[in-house]
Amino acid sequence: MSVDPTASPVEVAERALAEIGRRGQDGVWITVTPGDRLMREARELQRRHAAGEAMPLYGLSFAVKDNIDVAGLPTTAACPSYSYLPTSSAPSGATVGRHPECRPDGLIGRPPTNPPIFAP
């Protein structure tokens, strides 16, 4: 998916969900963020941006490697017997993976990707 600097977070989220749906079960995404959650987060980013909040990465999407915790999405490290459901997101200097209310940069979260097993 290419970057469109004119696209709103809602448009970016819609495109991401459509592309994931189009590709089907191709093994790239271990877990797909529920569409309603992704759209709610995108609308919240737009609301904050419209209110004048500075977000240097506003509207960019990102994927999270599946050995990094994202609250409410299973972490598996591509190993089903390792799977657990974290209640909080892993800390990050860029705040990647956190709920947008805690994410000052304006990134749009995407689902966990399929990493090599237990890769750093």
PDB file of N, CA and C in Angstrom:
ATOM      1  N   MET A   1       0.847  -1.171   0.000  1.00  0.00           N
ATOM      2  CA  MET A   1       0.000   0.000   0.000  1.00  0.00           C
ATOM      3  C   MET A   1       0.890   1.231   0.000  1.00  0.00           C
ATOM      4  N   SER A   2       0.688   2.115  -0.950  1.00  0.00           N
ATOM      5  CA  SER A   2       1.514   3.307  -1.050  1.00  0.00           C
ATOM      6  C   SER A   2       0.997   4.398  -0.113  1.00  0.00           C
ATOM      7  N   VAL A   3       1.858   5.343   0.171  1.00  0.00           N
ATOM      8  CA  VAL A   3       1.510   6.457   1.044  1.00  0.00           C
ATOM      9  C   VAL A   3       0.866   7.551   0.206  1.00  0.00           C
ATOM     10  N   ASP A   4      -0.277   8.020   0.647  1.00  0.00           N
ATOM     11  CA  ASP A   4      -0.972   9.130   0.000  1.00  0.00           C
ATOM     12  C   ASP A   4      -1.049  10.257   1.027  1.00  0.00           C
ATOM     13  N   PRO A   5      -0.241  11.301   0.871  1.00  0.00           N
ATOM     14  CA  PRO A   5      -0.205  12.364   1.885  1.00  0.00           C
ATOM     15  C   PRO A   5      -1.523  13.132   2.000  1.00  0.00           C
ATOM     16  N   THR A   6      -2.429  12.972   1.050  1.00  0.00           N
ATOM     17  CA  THR A   6      -3.705  13.685   1.122  1.00  0.00           C
ATOM     18  C   THR A   6      -4.801  12.846   1.774  1.00  0.00           C
ATOM     19  N   ALA A   7      -4.531  11.572   2.021  1.00  0.00           N
ATOM     20  CA  ALA A   7      -5.543  10.679   2.585  1.00  0.00           C
ATOM     21  C   ALA A   7      -5.723  10.933   4.077  1.00  0.00           C
ATOM     22  N   SER A   8      -6.962  10.887   4.513  1.00  0.00           N
ATOM     23  CA  SER A   8      -7.270  11.020   5.939  1.00  0.00           C
ATOM     24  C   SER A   8      -6.993   9.682   6.619  1.00  0.00           C
ATOM     25  N   PRO A   9      -6.854   9.664   7.950  1.00  0.00           N
ATOM     26  CA  PRO A   9      -6.683   8.392   8.655  1.00  0.00           C
ATOM     27  C   PRO A   9      -7.820   7.409   8.373  1.00  0.00           C
ATOM     28  N   VAL A  10      -9.051   7.903   8.236  1.00  0.00           N
ATOM     29  CA  VAL A  10     -10.165   7.010   7.929  1.00  0.00           C
ATOM     30  C   VAL A  10      -9.966   6.389   6.545  1.00  0.00           C
ATOM     31  N   GLU A  11      -9.533   7.184   5.570  1.00  0.00           N
ATOM     32  CA  GLU A  11      -9.279   6.651   4.228  1.00  0.00           C
ATOM     33  C   GLU A  11      -8.142   5.632   4.241  1.00  0.00           C
ATOM     34  N   VAL A  12      -7.089   5.924   4.999  1.00  0.00           N
ATOM     35  CA  VAL A  12      -5.961   4.994   5.101  1.00  0.00           C
ATOM     36  C   VAL A  12      -6.425   3.677   5.715  1.00  0.00           C
ATOM     37  N   ALA A  13      -7.208   3.759   6.789  1.00  0.00           N
ATOM     38  CA  ALA A  13      -7.711   2.555   7.455  1.00  0.00           C
ATOM     39  C   ALA A  13      -8.629   1.764   6.523  1.00  0.00           C
ATOM     40  N   GLU A  14      -9.510   2.460   5.804  1.00  0.00           N
ATOM     41  CA  GLU A  14     -10.408   1.778   4.868  1.00  0.00           C
ATOM     42  C   GLU A  14      -9.623   1.058   3.779  1.00  0.00           C
ATOM     43  N   ARG A  15      -8.600   1.717   3.249  1.00  0.00           N
ATOM     44  CA  ARG A  15      -7.771   1.097   2.201  1.00  0.00           C
ATOM     45  C   ARG A  15      -7.028  -0.123   2.735  1.00  0.00           C
ATOM     46  N   ALA A  16      -6.496   0.005   3.948  1.00  0.00           N
ATOM     47  CA  ALA A  16      -5.765  -1.120   4.541  1.00  0.00           C
ATOM     48  C   ALA A  16      -6.694  -2.314   4.740  1.00  0.00           C
ATOM     49  N   LEU A  17      -7.870  -2.080   5.280  1.00  0.00           N
ATOM     50  CA  LEU A  17      -8.816  -3.172   5.499  1.00  0.00           C
ATOM     51  C   LEU A  17      -9.254  -3.798   4.179  1.00  0.00           C
ATOM     52  N   ALA A  18      -9.473  -2.970   3.161  1.00  0.00           N
ATOM     53  CA  ALA A  18      -9.879  -3.485   1.848  1.00  0.00           C
ATOM     54  C   ALA A  18      -8.764  -4.343   1.240  1.00  0.00           C
ATOM     55  N   GLU A  19      -7.524  -3.886   1.355  1.00  0.00           N
ATOM     56  CA  GLU A  19      -6.401  -4.632   0.789  1.00  0.00           C
ATOM     57  C   GLU A  19      -6.204  -5.954   1.519  1.00  0.00           C
ATOM     58  N   ILE A  20      -6.314  -5.934   2.836  1.00  0.00           N
ATOM     59  CA  ILE A  20      -6.196  -7.179   3.604  1.00  0.00           C
ATOM     60  C   ILE A  20      -7.306  -8.137   3.191  1.00  0.00           C
ATOM     61  N   GLY A  21      -8.526  -7.619   3.045  1.00  0.00           N
ATOM     62  CA  GLY A  21      -9.646  -8.450   2.614  1.00  0.00           C
ATOM     63  C   GLY A  21      -9.444  -9.010   1.215  1.00  0.00           C
ATOM     64  N   ARG A  22      -8.917  -8.201   0.317  1.00  0.00           N
ATOM     65  CA  ARG A  22      -8.684  -8.627  -1.059  1.00  0.00           C
ATOM     66  C   ARG A  22      -7.658  -9.754  -1.125  1.00  0.00           C
ATOM     67  N   ARG A  23      -6.626  -9.641  -0.324  1.00  0.00           N
ATOM     68  CA  ARG A  23      -5.545 -10.640  -0.365  1.00  0.00           C
ATOM     69  C   ARG A  23      -5.934 -11.942   0.320  1.00  0.00           C
ATOM     70  N   GLY A  24      -6.873 -11.890   1.246  1.00  0.00           N
ATOM     71  CA  GLY A  24      -7.298 -13.109   1.931  1.00  0.00           C
ATOM     72  C   GLY A  24      -6.241 -13.640   2.882  1.00  0.00           C
ATOM     73  N   GLN A  25      -6.301 -14.917   3.137  1.00  0.00           N
ATOM     74  CA  GLN A  25      -5.376 -15.572   4.074  1.00  0.00           C
ATOM     75  C   GLN A  25      -4.055 -15.878   3.380  1.00  0.00           C
ATOM     76  N   ASP A  26      -3.239 -14.847   3.170  1.00  0.00           N
ATOM     77  CA  ASP A  26      -1.967 -15.035   2.472  1.00  0.00           C
ATOM     78  C   ASP A  26      -0.786 -15.253   3.409  1.00  0.00           C
ATOM     79  N   GLY A  27      -1.031 -15.319   4.704  1.00  0.00           N
ATOM     80  CA  GLY A  27       0.030 -15.598   5.661  1.00  0.00           C
ATOM     81  C   GLY A  27       0.800 -14.388   6.139  1.00  0.00           C
ATOM     82  N   VAL A  28       0.499 -13.201   5.614  1.00  0.00           N
ATOM     83  CA  VAL A  28       1.205 -11.994   6.042  1.00  0.00           C
ATOM     84  C   VAL A  28       0.707 -11.551   7.415  1.00  0.00           C
ATOM     85  N   TRP A  29      -0.611 -11.553   7.590  1.00  0.00           N
ATOM     86  CA  TRP A  29      -1.210 -11.050   8.828  1.00  0.00           C
ATOM     87  C   TRP A  29      -1.618 -12.216   9.715  1.00  0.00           C
ATOM     88  N   ILE A  30      -1.042 -12.278  10.904  1.00  0.00           N
ATOM     89  CA  ILE A  30      -1.417 -13.309  11.862  1.00  0.00           C
ATOM     90  C   ILE A  30      -2.767 -12.964  12.476  1.00  0.00           C
ATOM     91  N   THR A  31      -2.939 -11.720  12.824  1.00  0.00           N
ATOM     92  CA  THR A  31      -4.183 -11.221  13.396  1.00  0.00           C
ATOM     93  C   THR A  31      -4.555  -9.952  12.646  1.00  0.00           C
ATOM     94  N   VAL A  32      -5.809  -9.814  12.315  1.00  0.00           N
ATOM     95  CA  VAL A  32      -6.282  -8.587  11.682  1.00  0.00           C
ATOM     96  C   VAL A  32      -7.023  -7.774  12.745  1.00  0.00           C
ATOM     97  N   THR A  33      -6.571  -6.542  12.928  1.00  0.00           N
ATOM     98  CA  THR A  33      -7.251  -5.652  13.867  1.00  0.00           C
ATOM     99  C   THR A  33      -8.710  -5.551  13.455  1.00  0.00           C
ATOM    100  N   PRO A  34      -9.649  -5.752  14.382  1.00  0.00           N
ATOM    101  CA  PRO A  34     -11.061  -5.643  14.012  1.00  0.00           C
ATOM    102  C   PRO A  34     -11.342  -4.292  13.346  1.00  0.00           C
ATOM    103  N   GLY A  35     -12.092  -4.338  12.250  1.00  0.00           N
ATOM    104  CA  GLY A  35     -12.373  -3.132  11.479  1.00  0.00           C
ATOM    105  C   GLY A  35     -12.987  -2.020  12.291  1.00  0.00           C
ATOM    106  N   ASP A  36     -13.911  -2.363  13.201  1.00  0.00           N
ATOM    107  CA  ASP A  36     -14.548  -1.321  14.006  1.00  0.00           C
ATOM    108  C   ASP A  36     -13.537  -0.645  14.923  1.00  0.00           C
ATOM    109  N   ARG A  37     -12.592  -1.404  15.457  1.00  0.00           N
ATOM    110  CA  ARG A  37     -11.548  -0.814  16.310  1.00  0.00           C
ATOM    111  C   ARG A  37     -10.650   0.109  15.488  1.00  0.00           C
ATOM    112  N   LEU A  38     -10.200  -0.367  14.324  1.00  0.00           N
ATOM    113  CA  LEU A  38      -9.314   0.433  13.488  1.00  0.00           C
ATOM    114  C   LEU A  38      -9.995   1.723  13.035  1.00  0.00           C
ATOM    115  N   MET A  39     -11.268   1.624  12.647  1.00  0.00           N
ATOM    116  CA  MET A  39     -11.996   2.810  12.201  1.00  0.00           C
ATOM    117  C   MET A  39     -12.234   3.776  13.357  1.00  0.00           C
ATOM    118  N   ARG A  40     -12.529   3.270  14.536  1.00  0.00           N
ATOM    119  CA  ARG A  40     -12.716   4.124  15.719  1.00  0.00           C
ATOM    120  C   ARG A  40     -11.430   4.882  16.029  1.00  0.00           C
ATOM    121  N   GLU A  41     -10.290   4.195  15.953  1.00  0.00           N
ATOM    122  CA  GLU A  41      -9.005   4.834  16.215  1.00  0.00           C
ATOM    123  C   GLU A  41      -8.695   5.885  15.147  1.00  0.00           C
ATOM    124  N   ALA A  42      -9.010   5.583  13.889  1.00  0.00           N
ATOM    125  CA  ALA A  42      -8.759   6.539  12.801  1.00  0.00           C
ATOM    126  C   ALA A  42      -9.618   7.792  12.978  1.00  0.00           C
ATOM    127  N   ARG A  43     -10.894   7.612  13.336  1.00  0.00           N
ATOM    128  CA  ARG A  43     -11.767   8.777  13.563  1.00  0.00           C
ATOM    129  C   ARG A  43     -11.282   9.620  14.736  1.00  0.00           C
ATOM    130  N   GLU A  44     -10.761   8.947  15.777  1.00  0.00           N
ATOM    131  CA  GLU A  44     -10.225   9.676  16.933  1.00  0.00           C
ATOM    132  C   GLU A  44      -8.997  10.496  16.532  1.00  0.00           C
ATOM    133  N   LEU A  45      -8.136   9.936  15.702  1.00  0.00           N
ATOM    134  CA  LEU A  45      -6.973  10.694  15.216  1.00  0.00           C
ATOM    135  C   LEU A  45      -7.426  11.927  14.428  1.00  0.00           C
ATOM    136  N   GLN A  46      -8.418  11.765  13.573  1.00  0.00           N
ATOM    137  CA  GLN A  46      -8.929  12.904  12.802  1.00  0.00           C
ATOM    138  C   GLN A  46      -9.504  13.976  13.712  1.00  0.00           C
ATOM    139  N   ARG A  47     -10.225  13.556  14.746  1.00  0.00           N
ATOM    140  CA  ARG A  47     -10.810  14.509  15.691  1.00  0.00           C
ATOM    141  C   ARG A  47      -9.707  15.306  16.383  1.00  0.00           C
ATOM    142  N   ARG A  48      -8.673  14.603  16.842  1.00  0.00           N
ATOM    143  CA  ARG A  48      -7.577  15.280  17.541  1.00  0.00           C
ATOM    144  C   ARG A  48      -6.826  16.224  16.614  1.00  0.00           C
ATOM    145  N   HIS A  49      -6.615  15.803  15.369  1.00  0.00           N
ATOM    146  CA  HIS A  49      -5.923  16.639  14.388  1.00  0.00           C
ATOM    147  C   HIS A  49      -6.739  17.890  14.093  1.00  0.00           C
ATOM    148  N   ALA A  50      -8.044  17.727  13.918  1.00  0.00           N
ATOM    149  CA  ALA A  50      -8.932  18.865  13.642  1.00  0.00           C
ATOM    150  C   ALA A  50      -8.960  19.846  14.814  1.00  0.00           C
ATOM    151  N   ALA A  51      -8.721  19.322  16.020  1.00  0.00           N
ATOM    152  CA  ALA A  51      -8.697  20.170  17.210  1.00  0.00           C
ATOM    153  C   ALA A  51      -7.354  20.894  17.356  1.00  0.00           C
ATOM    154  N   GLY A  52      -6.437  20.655  16.414  1.00  0.00           N
ATOM    155  CA  GLY A  52      -5.166  21.374  16.427  1.00  0.00           C
ATOM    156  C   GLY A  52      -4.025  20.656  17.102  1.00  0.00           C
ATOM    157  N   GLU A  53      -4.220  19.411  17.510  1.00  0.00           N
ATOM    158  CA  GLU A  53      -3.136  18.683  18.165  1.00  0.00           C
ATOM    159  C   GLU A  53      -2.036  18.361  17.148  1.00  0.00           C
ATOM    160  N   ALA A  54      -0.797  18.631  17.526  1.00  0.00           N
ATOM    161  CA  ALA A  54       0.347  18.347  16.650  1.00  0.00           C
ATOM    162  C   ALA A  54       0.647  16.852  16.691  1.00  0.00           C
ATOM    163  N   MET A  55       0.663  16.227  15.527  1.00  0.00           N
ATOM    164  CA  MET A  55       0.969  14.804  15.418  1.00  0.00           C
ATOM    165  C   MET A  55       1.879  14.630  14.199  1.00  0.00           C
ATOM    166  N   PRO A  56       3.195  14.561  14.396  1.00  0.00           N
ATOM    167  CA  PRO A  56       4.134  14.560  13.276  1.00  0.00           C
ATOM    168  C   PRO A  56       3.983  13.383  12.315  1.00  0.00           C
ATOM    169  N   LEU A  57       3.416  12.288  12.754  1.00  0.00           N
ATOM    170  CA  LEU A  57       3.246  11.121  11.884  1.00  0.00           C
ATOM    171  C   LEU A  57       1.777  10.908  11.529  1.00  0.00           C
ATOM    172  N   TYR A  58       1.003  11.971  11.566  1.00  0.00           N
ATOM    173  CA  TYR A  58      -0.437  11.917  11.341  1.00  0.00           C
ATOM    174  C   TYR A  58      -0.803  11.181  10.067  1.00  0.00           C
ATOM    175  N   GLY A  59      -1.626  10.155  10.205  1.00  0.00           N
ATOM    176  CA  GLY A  59      -2.177   9.451   9.065  1.00  0.00           C
ATOM    177  C   GLY A  59      -1.331   8.351   8.469  1.00  0.00           C
ATOM    178  N   LEU A  60      -0.102   8.173   8.941  1.00  0.00           N
ATOM    179  CA  LEU A  60       0.723   7.076   8.433  1.00  0.00           C
ATOM    180  C   LEU A  60       0.293   5.775   9.108  1.00  0.00           C
ATOM    181  N   SER A  61       0.309   4.702   8.351  1.00  0.00           N
ATOM    182  CA  SER A  61      -0.034   3.408   8.940  1.00  0.00           C
ATOM    183  C   SER A  61       1.243   2.628   9.228  1.00  0.00           C
ATOM    184  N   PHE A  62       1.118   1.637  10.072  1.00  0.00           N
ATOM    185  CA  PHE A  62       2.264   0.797  10.413  1.00  0.00           C
ATOM    186  C   PHE A  62       1.769  -0.596  10.777  1.00  0.00           C
ATOM    187  N   ALA A  63       2.637  -1.557  10.656  1.00  0.00           N
ATOM    188  CA  ALA A  63       2.352  -2.926  11.085  1.00  0.00           C
ATOM    189  C   ALA A  63       3.224  -3.226  12.295  1.00  0.00           C
ATOM    190  N   VAL A  64       2.761  -4.116  13.131  1.00  0.00           N
ATOM    191  CA  VAL A  64       3.490  -4.495  14.338  1.00  0.00           C
ATOM    192  C   VAL A  64       3.914  -5.949  14.205  1.00  0.00           C
ATOM    193  N   LYS A  65       5.176  -6.208  14.426  1.00  0.00           N
ATOM    194  CA  LYS A  65       5.678  -7.579  14.408  1.00  0.00           C
ATOM    195  C   LYS A  65       4.973  -8.362  15.514  1.00  0.00           C
ATOM    196  N   ASP A  66       4.620  -9.599  15.261  1.00  0.00           N
ATOM    197  CA  ASP A  66       3.773 -10.358  16.182  1.00  0.00           C
ATOM    198  C   ASP A  66       4.487 -10.879  17.431  1.00  0.00           C
ATOM    199  N   ASN A  67       5.625 -10.358  17.748  1.00  0.00           N
ATOM    200  CA  ASN A  67       6.206 -10.663  19.055  1.00  0.00           C
ATOM    201  C   ASN A  67       6.285  -9.395  19.901  1.00  0.00           C
ATOM    202  N   ILE A  68       5.535  -8.373  19.499  1.00  0.00           N
ATOM    203  CA  ILE A  68       5.409  -7.123  20.248  1.00  0.00           C
ATOM    204  C   ILE A  68       3.961  -7.008  20.696  1.00  0.00           C
ATOM    205  N   ASP A  69       3.746  -6.806  21.974  1.00  0.00           N
ATOM    206  CA  ASP A  69       2.391  -6.745  22.525  1.00  0.00           C
ATOM    207  C   ASP A  69       1.629  -5.516  22.064  1.00  0.00           C
ATOM    208  N   VAL A  70       0.388  -5.742  21.634  1.00  0.00           N
ATOM    209  CA  VAL A  70      -0.581  -4.687  21.358  1.00  0.00           C
ATOM    210  C   VAL A  70      -1.809  -5.050  22.172  1.00  0.00           C
ATOM    211  N   ALA A  71      -2.185  -4.191  23.093  1.00  0.00           N
ATOM    212  CA  ALA A  71      -3.302  -4.480  23.992  1.00  0.00           C
ATOM    213  C   ALA A  71      -4.538  -4.922  23.215  1.00  0.00           C
ATOM    214  N   GLY A  72      -5.100  -6.045  23.638  1.00  0.00           N
ATOM    215  CA  GLY A  72      -6.339  -6.530  23.050  1.00  0.00           C
ATOM    216  C   GLY A  72      -6.181  -7.381  21.806  1.00  0.00           C
ATOM    217  N   LEU A  73      -4.951  -7.512  21.275  1.00  0.00           N
ATOM    218  CA  LEU A  73      -4.705  -8.381  20.130  1.00  0.00           C
ATOM    219  C   LEU A  73      -3.744  -9.482  20.559  1.00  0.00           C
ATOM    220  N   PRO A  74      -3.973 -10.717  20.123  1.00  0.00           N
ATOM    221  CA  PRO A  74      -3.099 -11.803  20.574  1.00  0.00           C
ATOM    222  C   PRO A  74      -1.656 -11.625  20.108  1.00  0.00           C
ATOM    223  N   THR A  75      -0.731 -11.943  20.979  1.00  0.00           N
ATOM    224  CA  THR A  75       0.689 -12.001  20.645  1.00  0.00           C
ATOM    225  C   THR A  75       1.016 -13.480  20.518  1.00  0.00           C
ATOM    226  N   THR A  76       1.573 -13.887  19.372  1.00  0.00           N
ATOM    227  CA  THR A  76       1.867 -15.302  19.174  1.00  0.00           C
ATOM    228  C   THR A  76       3.312 -15.587  18.818  1.00  0.00           C
ATOM    229  N   ALA A  77       4.055 -14.578  18.340  1.00  0.00           N
ATOM    230  CA  ALA A  77       5.409 -14.793  17.812  1.00  0.00           C
ATOM    231  C   ALA A  77       5.386 -15.902  16.761  1.00  0.00           C
ATOM    232  N   ALA A  78       4.280 -15.994  16.025  1.00  0.00           N
ATOM    233  CA  ALA A  78       4.069 -16.995  14.967  1.00  0.00           C
ATOM    234  C   ALA A  78       4.102 -18.421  15.488  1.00  0.00           C
ATOM    235  N   CYS A  79       3.840 -18.591  16.769  1.00  0.00           N
ATOM    236  CA  CYS A  79       3.835 -19.914  17.393  1.00  0.00           C
ATOM    237  C   CYS A  79       2.544 -20.052  18.201  1.00  0.00           C
ATOM    238  N   PRO A  80       1.552 -20.780  17.699  1.00  0.00           N
ATOM    239  CA  PRO A  80       0.260 -20.861  18.371  1.00  0.00           C
ATOM    240  C   PRO A  80       0.327 -21.273  19.841  1.00  0.00           C
ATOM    241  N   SER A  81       1.263 -22.143  20.206  1.00  0.00           N
ATOM    242  CA  SER A  81       1.332 -22.574  21.607  1.00  0.00           C
ATOM    243  C   SER A  81       1.885 -21.481  22.520  1.00  0.00           C
ATOM    244  N   TYR A  82       2.462 -20.434  21.951  1.00  0.00           N
ATOM    245  CA  TYR A  82       2.988 -19.291  22.717  1.00  0.00           C
ATOM    246  C   TYR A  82       1.933 -18.210  22.922  1.00  0.00           C
ATOM    247  N   SER A  83       0.832 -18.265  22.212  1.00  0.00           N
ATOM    248  CA  SER A  83      -0.166 -17.195  22.152  1.00  0.00           C
ATOM    249  C   SER A  83      -0.701 -16.775  23.525  1.00  0.00           C
ATOM    250  N   TYR A  84      -0.822 -15.475  23.699  1.00  0.00           N
ATOM    251  CA  TYR A  84      -1.489 -14.909  24.877  1.00  0.00           C
ATOM    252  C   TYR A  84      -2.103 -13.577  24.471  1.00  0.00           C
ATOM    253  N   LEU A  85      -3.033 -13.088  25.272  1.00  0.00           N
ATOM    254  CA  LEU A  85      -3.721 -11.833  24.979  1.00  0.00           C
ATOM    255  C   LEU A  85      -3.249 -10.774  25.967  1.00  0.00           C
ATOM    256  N   PRO A  86      -2.398  -9.840  25.533  1.00  0.00           N
ATOM    257  CA  PRO A  86      -1.885  -8.814  26.443  1.00  0.00           C
ATOM    258  C   PRO A  86      -2.958  -7.784  26.804  1.00  0.00           C
ATOM    259  N   THR A  87      -2.881  -7.307  28.019  1.00  0.00           N
ATOM    260  CA  THR A  87      -3.814  -6.269  28.470  1.00  0.00           C
ATOM    261  C   THR A  87      -3.228  -4.876  28.311  1.00  0.00           C
ATOM    262  N   SER A  88      -1.931  -4.803  28.015  1.00  0.00           N
ATOM    263  CA  SER A  88      -1.311  -3.508  27.750  1.00  0.00           C
ATOM    264  C   SER A  88      -0.334  -3.670  26.597  1.00  0.00           C
ATOM    265  N   SER A  89      -0.024  -2.560  25.950  1.00  0.00           N
ATOM    266  CA  SER A  89       0.893  -2.574  24.816  1.00  0.00           C
ATOM    267  C   SER A  89       2.327  -2.422  25.283  1.00  0.00           C
ATOM    268  N   ALA A  90       3.236  -2.980  24.499  1.00  0.00           N
ATOM    269  CA  ALA A  90       4.660  -2.857  24.797  1.00  0.00           C
ATOM    270  C   ALA A  90       5.072  -1.396  24.716  1.00  0.00           C
ATOM    271  N   PRO A  91       5.951  -0.950  25.618  1.00  0.00           N
ATOM    272  CA  PRO A  91       6.431   0.430  25.533  1.00  0.00           C
ATOM    273  C   PRO A  91       7.343   0.598  24.327  1.00  0.00           C
ATOM    274  N   SER A  92       7.359   1.806  23.788  1.00  0.00           N
ATOM    275  CA  SER A  92       8.212   2.092  22.645  1.00  0.00           C
ATOM    276  C   SER A  92       8.554   3.565  22.657  1.00  0.00           C
ATOM    277  N   GLY A  93       9.754   3.881  22.244  1.00  0.00           N
ATOM    278  CA  GLY A  93      10.150   5.286  22.172  1.00  0.00           C
ATOM    279  C   GLY A  93       9.265   6.076  21.234  1.00  0.00           C
ATOM    280  N   ALA A  94       8.741   5.425  20.197  1.00  0.00           N
ATOM    281  CA  ALA A  94       7.873   6.103  19.230  1.00  0.00           C
ATOM    282  C   ALA A  94       6.405   5.902  19.564  1.00  0.00           C
ATOM    283  N   THR A  95       6.130   5.244  20.674  1.00  0.00           N
ATOM    284  CA  THR A  95       4.770   4.923  21.126  1.00  0.00           C
ATOM    285  C   THR A  95       4.007   4.078  20.114  1.00  0.00           C
ATOM    286  N   VAL A  96       4.692   3.312  19.300  1.00  0.00           N
ATOM    287  CA  VAL A  96       4.037   2.445  18.322  1.00  0.00           C
ATOM    288  C   VAL A  96       3.288   1.336  19.053  1.00  0.00           C
ATOM    289  N   GLY A  97       2.086   1.054  18.589  1.00  0.00           N
ATOM    290  CA  GLY A  97       1.289  -0.026  19.142  1.00  0.00           C
ATOM    291  C   GLY A  97       0.356   0.395  20.252  1.00  0.00           C
ATOM    292  N   ARG A  98       0.444   1.633  20.698  1.00  0.00           N
ATOM    293  CA  ARG A  98      -0.453   2.079  21.759  1.00  0.00           C
ATOM    294  C   ARG A  98      -1.760   2.589  21.184  1.00  0.00           C
ATOM    295  N   HIS A  99      -2.760   2.613  22.024  1.00  0.00           N
ATOM    296  CA  HIS A  99      -4.049   3.168  21.624  1.00  0.00           C
ATOM    297  C   HIS A  99      -3.836   4.634  21.256  1.00  0.00           C
ATOM    298  N   PRO A 100      -4.555   5.166  20.267  1.00  0.00           N
ATOM    299  CA  PRO A 100      -4.287   6.536  19.809  1.00  0.00           C
ATOM    300  C   PRO A 100      -4.446   7.598  20.887  1.00  0.00           C
ATOM    301  N   GLU A 101      -5.210   7.322  21.925  1.00  0.00           N
ATOM    302  CA  GLU A 101      -5.325   8.316  22.992  1.00  0.00           C
ATOM    303  C   GLU A 101      -3.991   8.501  23.693  1.00  0.00           C
ATOM    304  N   CYS A 102      -3.131   7.489  23.616  1.00  0.00           N
ATOM    305  CA  CYS A 102      -1.798   7.567  24.216  1.00  0.00           C
ATOM    306  C   CYS A 102      -0.732   7.762  23.151  1.00  0.00           C
ATOM    307  N   ARG A 103      -1.135   7.844  21.895  1.00  0.00           N
ATOM    308  CA  ARG A 103      -0.202   7.911  20.783  1.00  0.00           C
ATOM    309  C   ARG A 103      -0.157   9.338  20.259  1.00  0.00           C
ATOM    310  N   PRO A 104       0.831  10.129  20.664  1.00  0.00           N
ATOM    311  CA  PRO A 104       0.851  11.528  20.258  1.00  0.00           C
ATOM    312  C   PRO A 104       1.291  11.758  18.825  1.00  0.00           C
ATOM    313  N   ASP A 105       1.813  10.731  18.162  1.00  0.00           N
ATOM    314  CA  ASP A 105       2.397  10.933  16.840  1.00  0.00           C
ATOM    315  C   ASP A 105       1.405  10.852  15.697  1.00  0.00           C
ATOM    316  N   GLY A 106       0.217  10.263  15.912  1.00  0.00           N
ATOM    317  CA  GLY A 106      -0.803  10.199  14.881  1.00  0.00           C
ATOM    318  C   GLY A 106      -0.747   8.986  13.977  1.00  0.00           C
ATOM    319  N   LEU A 107       0.051   7.977  14.332  1.00  0.00           N
ATOM    320  CA  LEU A 107       0.131   6.763  13.526  1.00  0.00           C
ATOM    321  C   LEU A 107      -1.162   5.963  13.569  1.00  0.00           C
ATOM    322  N   ILE A 108      -1.449   5.239  12.502  1.00  0.00           N
ATOM    323  CA  ILE A 108      -2.608   4.366  12.432  1.00  0.00           C
ATOM    324  C   ILE A 108      -2.119   2.931  12.551  1.00  0.00           C
ATOM    325  N   GLY A 109      -2.557   2.226  13.592  1.00  0.00           N
ATOM    326  CA  GLY A 109      -2.116   0.856  13.822  1.00  0.00           C
ATOM    327  C   GLY A 109      -2.662  -0.111  12.797  1.00  0.00           C
ATOM    328  N   ARG A 110      -1.850  -1.092  12.424  1.00  0.00           N
ATOM    329  CA  ARG A 110      -2.275  -2.159  11.526  1.00  0.00           C
ATOM    330  C   ARG A 110      -2.084  -3.466  12.284  1.00  0.00           C
ATOM    331  N   PRO A 111      -2.537  -4.564  11.750  1.00  0.00           N
ATOM    332  CA  PRO A 111      -2.461  -5.827  12.479  1.00  0.00           C
ATOM    333  C   PRO A 111      -1.041  -6.376  12.580  1.00  0.00           C
ATOM    334  N   PRO A 112      -0.843  -7.318  13.512  1.00  0.00           N
ATOM    335  CA  PRO A 112       0.468  -7.950  13.646  1.00  0.00           C
ATOM    336  C   PRO A 112       0.852  -8.726  12.394  1.00  0.00           C
ATOM    337  N   THR A 113       2.124  -8.653  12.035  1.00  0.00           N
ATOM    338  CA  THR A 113       2.640  -9.379  10.875  1.00  0.00           C
ATOM    339  C   THR A 113       3.267 -10.685  11.328  1.00  0.00           C
ATOM    340  N   ASN A 114       3.527 -11.550  10.379  1.00  0.00           N
ATOM    341  CA  ASN A 114       4.069 -12.859  10.642  1.00  0.00           C
ATOM    342  C   ASN A 114       5.597 -12.799  10.671  1.00  0.00           C
ATOM    343  N   PRO A 115       6.219 -12.835  11.875  1.00  0.00           N
ATOM    344  CA  PRO A 115       7.687 -12.763  11.952  1.00  0.00           C
ATOM    345  C   PRO A 115       8.302 -14.154  11.907  1.00  0.00           C
ATOM    346  N   PRO A 116       9.595 -14.227  11.617  1.00  0.00           N
ATOM    347  CA  PRO A 116      10.282 -15.498  11.827  1.00  0.00           C
ATOM    348  C   PRO A 116      10.150 -15.838  13.317  1.00  0.00           C
ATOM    349  N   ILE A 117       9.964 -17.063  13.629  1.00  0.00           N
ATOM    350  CA  ILE A 117       9.662 -17.468  15.008  1.00  0.00           C
ATOM    351  C   ILE A 117      10.692 -16.927  15.998  1.00  0.00           C
ATOM    352  N   PHE A 118      10.204 -16.228  16.984  1.00  0.00           N
ATOM    353  CA  PHE A 118      10.981 -15.652  18.081  1.00  0.00           C
ATOM    354  C   PHE A 118      12.125 -14.753  17.607  1.00  0.00           C
ATOM    355  N   ALA A 119      11.963 -14.130  16.454  1.00  0.00           N
ATOM    356  CA  ALA A 119      12.986 -13.203  15.956  1.00  0.00           C
ATOM    357  C   ALA A 119      12.980 -11.934  16.804  1.00  0.00           C
ATOM    358  N   PRO A 120      14.124 -11.281  16.974  1.00  0.00           N
ATOM    359  CA  PRO A 120      14.158 -10.047  17.761  1.00  0.00           C
ATOM    360  C   PRO A 120      13.490  -8.905  17.037  1.00  0.00           C
TER     361      PRO A 120
END
